[in-house]
């Protein structure tokens, strides 16, 4: 709880959205509900990543806070836009929160509190500890996640079970790091490695995640295999680069 005389922390939820016309209103309404019970100031910003559907129009019609990107930058570029916004507006903590309504806003406080309390610099919402989440993604993606977790352990001696989770929170130092440098494709595993290699502490937090109801994920089985190979290589290369700094 916030003590008398403490400065209230400012927390920004970054919501990347590409063609999420069926989901974005529910996502923002759920975030609005959570804001009421926070003992820190919680804001959110939708990063409309050049959507071809009505995501832009829905955000504007409903007065949702939104940054409309002219072109589709991909998940890395859209999330980095959010980090740049967080840095320029002096937020203490930033949270990634997908626009497809798979993340559960009720767990935002669980991700934020360890950072506010100084227990860690970054939290990762995990489907794979304590089994709170019935939704685990496809078998192919689960296998890929095991490989990425092994590579992280091999290169950093740290274990994170849900390497592909896009539900994460970071402190002000990491906001600055991500605003300056953020991978473009499938950035979550690589950025976890970079954070650890730079001496920051990462804590995994059990959360619930939900199966997508509306729309379609862009990650097909073929792309999942490509993802695993590309990100594994990127993590190994990045581990070498960070070690040499």
Protein backbone atom coordinates (compact mmCIF):
# COMPACT_ATOMS: atom_id res chain seq x y z
CA UNK A 1 0.00 0.00 0.00
CA UNK A 2 1.05 3.56 -0.62
CA UNK A 3 2.36 5.24 2.53
CA UNK A 4 1.75 8.84 3.54
CA UNK A 5 4.35 11.07 1.91
CA UNK A 6 5.17 8.56 -0.85
CA UNK A 7 5.01 9.79 -4.43
CA UNK A 8 2.38 7.85 -6.36
CA UNK A 9 3.97 5.73 -9.07
CA UNK A 10 2.87 6.29 -12.65
CA UNK A 11 2.25 3.11 -14.63
CA UNK A 12 1.57 2.89 -18.36
CA UNK A 13 -0.02 -0.11 -20.08
CA UNK A 14 1.18 -0.41 -23.69
CA UNK A 15 -1.44 -2.14 -25.86
CA UNK A 16 -0.13 -3.06 -29.33
CA UNK A 17 -3.03 -3.73 -31.70
CA UNK A 18 -3.12 -4.87 -35.31
CA UNK A 19 -6.55 -5.58 -36.80
CA UNK A 20 -8.20 -5.95 -33.39
CA UNK A 21 -11.54 -4.28 -34.15
CA UNK A 22 -13.44 -7.08 -32.37
CA UNK A 23 -11.26 -7.04 -29.25
CA UNK A 24 -9.90 -3.57 -28.54
CA UNK A 25 -12.99 -2.16 -26.79
CA UNK A 26 -13.19 -5.12 -24.38
CA UNK A 27 -9.46 -4.84 -23.66
CA UNK A 28 -9.74 -1.15 -22.80
CA UNK A 29 -12.92 -1.58 -20.77
CA UNK A 30 -11.17 -4.25 -18.68
CA UNK A 31 -8.23 -1.92 -18.13
CA UNK A 32 -10.63 0.85 -17.05
CA UNK A 33 -12.13 -1.48 -14.44
CA UNK A 34 -8.70 -2.28 -12.99
CA UNK A 35 -7.71 1.40 -12.79
CA UNK A 36 -10.34 2.05 -10.11
CA UNK A 37 -8.67 -0.10 -7.45
CA UNK A 38 -5.01 0.79 -8.03
CA UNK A 39 -2.91 2.57 -5.41
CA UNK A 40 -0.72 3.87 -8.25
CA UNK A 41 -1.74 5.93 -11.29
CA UNK A 42 -2.57 3.55 -14.13
CA UNK A 43 -2.89 4.79 -17.71
CA UNK A 44 -2.93 2.94 -21.01
CA UNK A 45 -2.12 3.75 -24.62
CA UNK A 46 -3.23 1.73 -27.65
CA UNK A 47 -0.59 1.50 -30.38
CA UNK A 48 -2.61 0.94 -33.54
CA UNK A 49 -0.01 -0.69 -35.77
CA UNK A 50 -1.32 0.39 -39.18
CA UNK A 51 -4.43 -1.79 -38.90
CA UNK A 52 -6.36 -2.45 -42.10
CA UNK A 53 -9.68 -2.99 -40.31
CA UNK A 54 -11.66 -0.53 -38.17
CA UNK A 55 -9.36 -0.53 -35.13
CA UNK A 56 -8.41 3.13 -35.70
CA UNK A 57 -12.01 4.26 -36.13
CA UNK A 58 -13.20 2.34 -33.05
CA UNK A 59 -10.46 3.87 -30.88
CA UNK A 60 -11.22 7.39 -32.05
CA UNK A 61 -15.01 7.01 -31.85
CA UNK A 62 -14.75 5.79 -28.24
CA UNK A 63 -12.10 8.36 -27.24
CA UNK A 64 -9.55 5.71 -26.41
CA UNK A 65 -5.98 6.97 -25.93
CA UNK A 66 -4.28 5.85 -29.14
CA UNK A 67 -1.22 6.38 -31.29
CA UNK A 68 -2.00 5.55 -34.92
CA UNK A 69 1.05 4.33 -36.83
CA UNK A 70 0.90 5.11 -40.53
CA UNK A 71 2.51 1.82 -41.53
CA UNK A 72 2.56 -1.62 -39.95
CA UNK A 73 5.83 -1.83 -38.00
CA UNK A 74 5.28 -5.26 -36.49
CA UNK A 75 5.15 -6.17 -32.81
CA UNK A 76 8.64 -4.89 -32.05
CA UNK A 77 8.13 -1.48 -33.63
CA UNK A 78 4.69 -0.95 -32.13
CA UNK A 79 5.76 -1.93 -28.62
CA UNK A 80 8.90 0.22 -28.87
CA UNK A 81 6.65 3.14 -29.81
CA UNK A 82 4.90 2.58 -26.49
CA UNK A 83 8.19 2.56 -24.61
CA UNK A 84 9.25 5.80 -26.28
CA UNK A 85 5.93 7.32 -25.22
CA UNK A 86 6.46 6.04 -21.65
CA UNK A 87 9.97 7.52 -21.54
CA UNK A 88 8.94 10.91 -22.89
CA UNK A 89 6.04 11.10 -20.43
CA UNK A 90 8.14 10.07 -17.43
CA UNK A 91 6.34 6.86 -16.43
CA UNK A 92 7.89 4.80 -13.64
CA UNK A 93 6.68 1.42 -14.91
CA UNK A 94 5.51 0.18 -18.30
CA UNK A 95 3.44 -2.94 -18.96
CA UNK A 96 3.02 -4.79 -22.24
CA UNK A 97 -0.53 -6.01 -22.68
CA UNK A 98 -1.72 -7.59 -25.93
CA UNK A 99 -4.69 -6.13 -27.79
CA UNK A 100 -6.21 -9.55 -28.57
CA UNK A 101 -7.92 -9.91 -25.17
CA UNK A 102 -5.86 -12.96 -24.16
CA UNK A 103 -4.21 -11.24 -21.19
CA UNK A 104 -6.13 -10.84 -17.93
CA UNK A 105 -6.08 -7.28 -16.56
CA UNK A 106 -6.77 -8.59 -13.04
CA UNK A 107 -3.13 -9.70 -12.85
CA UNK A 108 -1.63 -6.28 -13.61
CA UNK A 109 -1.23 -5.56 -9.90
CA UNK A 110 0.66 -8.85 -9.44
CA UNK A 111 3.17 -7.75 -12.08
CA UNK A 112 3.54 -4.19 -10.82
CA UNK A 113 3.91 -4.74 -7.07
CA UNK A 114 7.27 -6.59 -7.09
CA UNK A 115 8.78 -3.73 -9.10
CA UNK A 116 7.32 -1.04 -6.84
CA UNK A 117 8.61 -2.96 -3.80
CA UNK A 118 12.11 -3.17 -5.25
CA UNK A 119 12.12 -6.96 -5.54
CA UNK A 120 13.01 -6.92 -9.23
CA UNK A 121 13.35 -4.73 -12.32
CA UNK A 122 11.14 -6.76 -14.66
CA UNK A 123 8.26 -9.18 -14.23
CA UNK A 124 7.03 -11.76 -16.74
CA UNK A 125 3.47 -13.09 -16.60
CA UNK A 126 3.71 -16.86 -16.88
CA UNK A 127 1.26 -19.54 -17.98
CA UNK A 128 3.60 -22.29 -16.87
CA UNK A 129 4.03 -21.81 -13.13
CA UNK A 130 1.31 -22.72 -10.61
CA UNK A 131 -0.90 -23.75 -13.56
CA UNK A 132 -3.33 -20.86 -13.15
CA UNK A 133 -3.89 -20.69 -16.88
CA UNK A 134 -5.76 -23.42 -18.75
CA UNK A 135 -4.68 -21.84 -22.04
CA UNK A 136 -1.13 -22.98 -22.89
CA UNK A 137 -0.91 -22.33 -26.68
CA UNK A 138 -0.19 -25.03 -29.29
CA UNK A 139 2.12 -27.98 -28.71
CA UNK A 140 4.55 -26.63 -31.30
CA UNK A 141 4.77 -23.28 -29.53
CA UNK A 142 5.13 -24.99 -26.15
CA UNK A 143 8.04 -27.01 -27.51
CA UNK A 144 9.62 -23.87 -28.91
CA UNK A 145 9.21 -22.20 -25.55
CA UNK A 146 11.09 -25.08 -23.87
CA UNK A 147 13.98 -24.63 -26.33
CA UNK A 148 14.13 -20.88 -25.72
CA UNK A 149 14.02 -21.40 -21.96
CA UNK A 150 16.94 -23.83 -22.27
CA UNK A 151 18.97 -21.31 -24.29
CA UNK A 152 18.32 -18.62 -21.67
CA UNK A 153 19.48 -20.98 -18.91
CA UNK A 154 22.55 -21.91 -20.95
CA UNK A 155 23.56 -18.29 -21.62
CA UNK A 156 22.54 -16.55 -18.38
CA UNK A 157 22.14 -19.35 -15.80
CA UNK A 158 18.62 -17.99 -15.17
CA UNK A 159 15.39 -19.94 -15.68
CA UNK A 160 12.26 -18.36 -17.14
CA UNK A 161 9.51 -20.81 -18.08
CA UNK A 162 7.27 -18.60 -20.25
CA UNK A 163 9.77 -17.05 -22.65
CA UNK A 164 7.18 -15.98 -25.21
CA UNK A 165 4.87 -14.16 -22.81
CA UNK A 166 3.88 -10.70 -24.04
CA UNK A 167 2.44 -9.80 -20.63
CA UNK A 168 5.37 -8.07 -18.89
CA UNK A 169 6.24 -5.09 -16.71
CA UNK A 170 9.51 -3.14 -16.45
CA UNK A 171 10.91 -0.29 -14.39
CA UNK A 172 12.11 3.12 -15.54
CA UNK A 173 15.67 2.00 -16.34
CA UNK A 174 14.43 -0.73 -18.66
CA UNK A 175 11.87 1.61 -20.22
CA UNK A 176 14.81 3.75 -21.32
CA UNK A 177 16.73 0.71 -22.58
CA UNK A 178 13.78 -0.55 -24.64
CA UNK A 179 12.99 2.93 -25.99
CA UNK A 180 16.50 3.08 -27.40
CA UNK A 181 16.87 -0.50 -28.63
CA UNK A 182 14.17 -3.12 -29.17
CA UNK A 183 14.14 -6.16 -31.52
CA UNK A 184 11.59 -6.05 -34.31
CA UNK A 185 10.46 -9.66 -34.80
CA UNK A 186 9.33 -11.87 -31.88
CA UNK A 187 11.16 -9.69 -29.32
CA UNK A 188 10.11 -11.21 -25.98
CA UNK A 189 12.77 -13.95 -25.52
CA UNK A 190 15.63 -11.80 -26.78
CA UNK A 191 14.74 -8.86 -24.54
CA UNK A 192 14.54 -11.09 -21.46
CA UNK A 193 18.07 -12.24 -22.21
CA UNK A 194 19.30 -8.66 -22.71
CA UNK A 195 17.73 -7.50 -19.45
CA UNK A 196 19.41 -10.29 -17.48
CA UNK A 197 22.75 -9.81 -19.25
CA UNK A 198 22.69 -6.15 -18.23
CA UNK A 199 22.44 -7.08 -14.58
CA UNK A 200 18.72 -6.51 -13.99
CA UNK A 201 16.61 -8.90 -11.95
CA UNK A 202 13.66 -10.66 -13.61
CA UNK A 203 10.86 -12.36 -11.71
CA UNK A 204 8.26 -14.70 -13.20
CA UNK A 205 4.69 -14.20 -11.95
CA UNK A 206 1.87 -16.75 -12.38
CA UNK A 207 -1.04 -15.37 -14.40
CA UNK A 208 -4.09 -16.56 -16.27
CA UNK A 209 -4.24 -16.17 -20.02
CA UNK A 210 -7.25 -16.77 -22.22
CA UNK A 211 -7.77 -18.32 -25.62
CA UNK A 212 -8.38 -15.80 -28.38
CA UNK A 213 -12.12 -15.52 -29.06
CA UNK A 214 -12.23 -13.03 -31.92
CA UNK A 215 -9.84 -12.61 -34.81
CA UNK A 216 -6.95 -14.82 -35.86
CA UNK A 217 -3.38 -15.08 -34.62
CA UNK A 218 -0.72 -14.33 -37.22
CA UNK A 219 1.49 -17.09 -35.75
CA UNK A 220 0.76 -20.22 -37.84
CA UNK A 221 2.42 -23.63 -37.21
CA UNK A 222 4.93 -22.87 -39.99
CA UNK A 223 5.70 -19.48 -38.50
CA UNK A 224 6.10 -21.11 -35.09
CA UNK A 225 8.96 -23.23 -36.43
CA UNK A 226 10.51 -20.21 -38.13
CA UNK A 227 10.07 -18.30 -34.88
CA UNK A 228 11.91 -20.90 -32.83
CA UNK A 229 14.86 -21.09 -35.23
CA UNK A 230 15.19 -17.34 -35.73
CA UNK A 231 14.82 -16.38 -32.08
CA UNK A 232 17.17 -19.15 -30.91
CA UNK A 233 19.84 -17.80 -33.24
CA UNK A 234 19.13 -14.20 -32.22
CA UNK A 235 19.43 -15.09 -28.53
CA UNK A 236 22.78 -16.83 -29.02
CA UNK A 237 24.16 -13.92 -31.05
CA UNK A 238 22.82 -11.34 -28.60
CA UNK A 239 24.32 -13.27 -25.68
CA UNK A 240 27.74 -12.99 -27.28
CA UNK A 241 27.29 -9.25 -28.04
CA UNK A 242 26.12 -8.41 -24.52
CA UNK A 243 29.00 -10.36 -23.00
CA UNK A 244 31.50 -8.34 -25.06
CA UNK A 245 30.18 -4.95 -23.95
